[in-house]
Amino acid sequence: MQRTSTKTLFSYWNQLRGSRSAPERKNVDPTKIRNALSNTFILEADEKNHFSFRLAGSHLCSTYCRELKGRNFEHLWSDKDRDAIKTLIKAVTNDHAVALVTFEGTSQSSNKMNFETILLPLRHNGSSTNRILGAMSADDEPYWFGAQPIIDQRITGLRLIWPDDVSMDTSFLDVSTHIDQDVQFEEDSQLFATPAKVHGVNARRYAHLAVIDGGRN
């Protein structure tokens, strides 16, 4: 975790959940994360289990130069990365993992920015499968930030974190190899999953991403 808002939200979420796998939505107090609030969001699932923004901080809306409430989170990502994002969401909601994603965003004028996003499981009405707490922030903010919307974003790295298995003083387990920025894709290759080994664990590879479904060693 590199960004302040990511660390702030993770620390608060970890404290709030206590011995539980995920905290309750009703217990989240925005005043406790005021320094990260503009970068914070909550996703909710619809009847088809697609996740959209229920709440989105002002900084996020500035990133895309539009209101994000009600917009599909998966649609922010390039077609090549959507299967990986869906798999990460399943690991967060079903297995209570924490997902950490880095990505490169491209503006409508082909300018680029690097971002970090965290997805945290959240309970709502007794279920942990219909809400996700998250934060997204940029490594830096160039002069054109807020004037040129990010219109395409591509994953550059991802991790799944099992908070009960590691302490804040240890390194987080990286469950994906670093993603090569210069990787070449074959047409429609993202549609097919192939077996892979990541850190000695069985995984599935979607194009340039190696993804481990939930569960703990």
Protein backbone atom coordinates (compact mmCIF):
# COMPACT_ATOMS: atom_id res chain seq x y z
CA MET A 1 0.00 0.00 0.00
CA GLN A 2 1.49 3.29 -1.13
CA ARG A 3 -1.21 5.94 -0.95
CA THR A 4 -2.27 7.66 2.27
CA SER A 5 -5.99 7.20 1.63
CA THR A 6 -5.47 3.48 1.03
CA LYS A 7 -3.58 3.04 4.29
CA THR A 8 -6.08 5.17 6.21
CA LEU A 9 -9.10 3.26 4.98
CA PHE A 10 -7.51 -0.16 5.49
CA SER A 11 -6.42 0.71 9.03
CA TYR A 12 -9.90 2.00 9.93
CA TRP A 13 -11.64 -1.00 8.34
CA ASN A 14 -9.31 -3.42 10.14
CA GLN A 15 -9.93 -1.73 13.47
CA LEU A 16 -13.68 -1.55 12.92
CA ARG A 17 -14.11 -5.22 12.05
CA GLY A 18 -12.31 -6.48 15.18
CA SER A 19 -12.41 -10.28 15.14
CA ARG A 20 -15.03 -10.37 12.38
CA SER A 21 -14.24 -10.97 8.73
CA ALA A 22 -15.94 -7.69 7.78
CA PRO A 23 -17.52 -4.74 9.62
CA GLU A 24 -21.13 -3.63 9.34
CA ARG A 25 -22.00 -0.81 6.95
CA LYS A 26 -24.02 0.94 9.64
CA ASN A 27 -20.94 1.15 11.87
CA VAL A 28 -18.83 3.06 9.33
CA ASP A 29 -18.38 6.62 10.61
CA PRO A 30 -17.28 9.03 7.85
CA THR A 31 -15.82 11.44 10.40
CA LYS A 32 -13.23 8.82 11.32
CA ILE A 33 -11.83 8.80 7.78
CA ARG A 34 -12.35 12.45 6.87
CA ASN A 35 -8.82 12.72 5.43
CA ALA A 36 -9.57 9.91 2.98
CA LEU A 37 -13.25 10.62 2.42
CA SER A 38 -12.88 12.35 -0.96
CA ASN A 39 -11.15 9.21 -2.30
CA THR A 40 -13.55 6.74 -0.69
CA PHE A 41 -16.44 4.88 -2.30
CA ILE A 42 -19.06 2.23 -1.53
CA LEU A 43 -20.20 -0.27 -4.14
CA GLU A 44 -23.53 -2.10 -4.06
CA ALA A 45 -24.68 -5.19 -5.95
CA ASP A 46 -27.80 -5.26 -8.09
CA GLU A 47 -30.05 -8.27 -8.70
CA LYS A 48 -27.57 -9.57 -11.32
CA ASN A 49 -24.66 -9.19 -8.88
CA HIS A 50 -23.14 -6.31 -10.84
CA PHE A 51 -21.49 -3.73 -8.61
CA SER A 52 -22.20 -0.03 -9.03
CA PHE A 53 -21.22 3.06 -7.06
CA ARG A 54 -23.63 3.81 -4.24
CA LEU A 55 -21.41 6.59 -2.89
CA ALA A 56 -18.30 8.17 -4.43
CA GLY A 57 -16.05 10.89 -3.03
CA SER A 58 -15.52 14.18 -4.83
CA HIS A 59 -11.96 13.34 -5.82
CA LEU A 60 -13.13 10.19 -7.61
CA CYS A 61 -15.75 12.13 -9.52
CA SER A 62 -13.07 14.65 -10.53
CA THR A 63 -10.94 11.79 -11.87
CA TYR A 64 -13.67 10.88 -14.35
CA CYS A 65 -15.15 14.39 -14.64
CA ARG A 66 -18.63 13.08 -13.85
CA GLU A 67 -20.88 11.89 -11.04
CA LEU A 68 -20.21 8.21 -10.40
CA LYS A 69 -23.27 7.31 -8.32
CA GLY A 70 -25.18 4.52 -10.05
CA ARG A 71 -22.44 3.81 -12.58
CA ASN A 72 -21.13 0.26 -13.02
CA PHE A 73 -17.72 -0.16 -11.38
CA GLU A 74 -16.71 -2.92 -13.79
CA HIS A 75 -17.27 -0.65 -16.78
CA LEU A 76 -14.41 1.61 -15.68
CA TRP A 77 -11.95 -1.09 -16.67
CA SER A 78 -10.68 -2.15 -20.06
CA ASP A 79 -12.37 -5.18 -21.62
CA LYS A 80 -9.19 -7.21 -21.06
CA ASP A 81 -9.34 -6.63 -17.29
CA ARG A 82 -13.03 -7.06 -16.49
CA ASP A 83 -12.84 -10.81 -15.87
CA ALA A 84 -10.02 -10.20 -13.39
CA ILE A 85 -12.00 -7.46 -11.62
CA LYS A 86 -15.04 -9.72 -11.36
CA THR A 87 -12.86 -12.47 -9.86
CA LEU A 88 -11.38 -10.04 -7.33
CA ILE A 89 -14.87 -8.86 -6.35
CA LYS A 90 -15.88 -12.47 -5.72
CA ALA A 91 -12.83 -12.99 -3.50
CA VAL A 92 -13.75 -9.84 -1.53
CA THR A 93 -17.46 -10.58 -1.11
CA ASN A 94 -17.42 -14.37 -0.81
CA ASP A 95 -14.09 -15.02 0.92
CA HIS A 96 -13.58 -11.70 2.74
CA ALA A 97 -10.20 -11.01 1.17
CA VAL A 98 -8.90 -7.50 0.64
CA ALA A 99 -8.04 -6.64 -2.98
CA LEU A 100 -5.33 -4.13 -3.81
CA VAL A 101 -5.12 -3.01 -7.44
CA THR A 102 -2.75 -0.66 -9.21
CA PHE A 103 -3.64 0.61 -12.65
CA GLU A 104 -2.73 3.09 -15.34
CA GLY A 105 -5.46 5.48 -16.42
CA THR A 106 -5.51 7.23 -19.78
CA SER A 107 -7.32 10.51 -20.39
CA GLN A 108 -9.22 11.52 -23.50
CA SER A 109 -6.06 13.37 -24.63
CA SER A 110 -3.92 10.23 -24.11
CA ASN A 111 -2.29 11.56 -20.95
CA LYS A 112 -1.60 8.92 -18.33
CA MET A 113 -1.83 8.64 -14.54
CA ASN A 114 -1.08 5.83 -12.10
CA PHE A 115 -3.63 4.88 -9.45
CA GLU A 116 -4.04 2.59 -6.45
CA THR A 117 -7.39 1.07 -5.45
CA ILE A 118 -8.39 -1.02 -2.45
CA LEU A 119 -11.57 -3.12 -2.13
CA LEU A 120 -12.72 -4.14 1.37
CA PRO A 121 -15.58 -6.48 2.34
CA LEU A 122 -18.50 -4.82 4.09
CA ARG A 123 -21.59 -6.34 5.68
CA HIS A 124 -25.06 -4.92 5.04
CA ASN A 125 -28.24 -6.37 6.56
CA GLY A 126 -26.30 -9.47 7.60
CA SER A 127 -24.83 -10.16 4.15
CA SER A 128 -21.25 -9.62 3.02
CA THR A 129 -21.98 -10.13 -0.67
CA ASN A 130 -23.79 -6.90 -1.54
CA ARG A 131 -21.51 -4.05 -0.37
CA ILE A 132 -17.84 -3.18 -0.84
CA LEU A 133 -15.93 -0.33 0.80
CA GLY A 134 -13.07 1.09 -1.23
CA ALA A 135 -10.67 3.91 -1.98
CA MET A 136 -8.97 5.09 -5.16
CA SER A 137 -6.20 7.66 -5.41
CA ALA A 138 -3.59 8.80 -7.90
CA ASP A 139 0.17 8.76 -7.44
CA ASP A 140 0.22 12.42 -8.42
CA GLU A 141 -2.11 15.00 -9.93
CA PRO A 142 -0.93 16.68 -13.13
CA TYR A 143 -2.19 20.06 -14.29
CA TRP A 144 -4.93 18.46 -16.41
CA PHE A 145 -6.47 16.46 -13.54
CA GLY A 146 -10.17 17.23 -13.24
CA ALA A 147 -10.33 18.72 -16.73
CA GLN A 148 -9.56 15.60 -18.78
CA PRO A 149 -11.58 12.53 -17.69
CA ILE A 150 -9.95 9.13 -17.42
CA ILE A 151 -11.61 7.11 -20.17
CA ASP A 152 -9.55 3.92 -20.10
CA GLN A 153 -7.73 2.08 -17.34
CA ARG A 154 -5.56 -0.99 -17.37
CA ILE A 155 -4.42 -3.07 -14.40
CA THR A 156 -0.67 -3.01 -13.75
CA GLY A 157 -0.64 -5.10 -10.57
CA LEU A 158 -2.95 -6.79 -8.10
CA ARG A 159 -2.86 -8.47 -4.72
CA LEU A 160 -5.22 -10.35 -2.45
CA ILE A 161 -4.64 -9.76 1.26
CA TRP A 162 -5.90 -12.05 4.02
CA PRO A 163 -5.91 -9.73 7.07
CA ASP A 164 -6.23 -12.58 9.59
CA ASP A 165 -3.11 -14.27 8.22
CA VAL A 166 -0.70 -11.31 8.23
CA SER A 167 0.09 -8.42 10.55
CA MET A 168 0.50 -4.79 9.62
CA ASP A 169 4.25 -5.23 10.23
CA THR A 170 4.69 -7.91 7.58
CA SER A 171 4.64 -7.76 3.81
CA PHE A 172 1.38 -8.60 2.13
CA LEU A 173 1.23 -11.74 0.03
CA ASP A 174 1.42 -10.88 -3.65
CA VAL A 175 -0.84 -13.35 -5.45
CA SER A 176 -0.12 -12.08 -8.93
CA THR A 177 3.06 -11.63 -10.88
CA HIS A 178 3.87 -8.05 -11.85
CA ILE A 179 2.07 -7.16 -15.03
CA ASP A 180 4.27 -6.19 -17.95
CA GLN A 181 3.25 -2.84 -19.40
CA ASP A 182 4.46 -3.93 -22.85
CA VAL A 183 2.60 -7.23 -22.97
CA GLN A 184 0.97 -7.97 -26.31
CA PHE A 185 -2.54 -9.42 -26.53
CA GLU A 186 -3.99 -11.80 -29.03
CA GLU A 187 -7.47 -10.96 -30.22
CA ASP A 188 -10.14 -12.12 -27.74
CA SER A 189 -7.50 -13.81 -25.57
CA GLN A 190 -9.05 -12.30 -22.43
CA LEU A 191 -12.13 -14.45 -22.86
CA PHE A 192 -10.33 -17.71 -22.12
CA ALA A 193 -8.91 -18.78 -18.75
CA THR A 194 -5.88 -21.07 -18.71
CA PRO A 195 -4.31 -22.84 -15.71
CA ALA A 196 -1.34 -21.12 -14.08
CA LYS A 197 0.91 -21.38 -11.03
CA VAL A 198 1.35 -18.30 -8.82
CA HIS A 199 3.63 -18.69 -5.80
CA GLY A 200 3.13 -22.43 -6.11
CA VAL A 201 -0.67 -22.11 -5.93
CA ASN A 202 -3.10 -23.11 -8.68
CA ALA A 203 -4.55 -20.07 -10.43
CA ARG A 204 -6.31 -19.05 -13.62
CA ARG A 205 -4.76 -16.76 -16.19
CA TYR A 206 -6.83 -14.23 -18.13
CA ALA A 207 -4.57 -12.79 -20.79
CA HIS A 208 -1.85 -10.95 -18.76
CA LEU A 209 -3.43 -11.56 -15.32
CA ALA A 210 -2.96 -14.53 -13.02
CA VAL A 211 -5.83 -14.73 -10.53
CA ILE A 212 -6.39 -16.97 -7.51
CA ASP A 213 -9.98 -17.53 -6.51
CA GLY A 214 -10.79 -17.23 -2.81
CA GLY A 215 -9.74 -19.50 -0.03
CA ARG A 216 -6.74 -19.55 2.26
CA ASN A 217 -3.69 -21.77 2.51
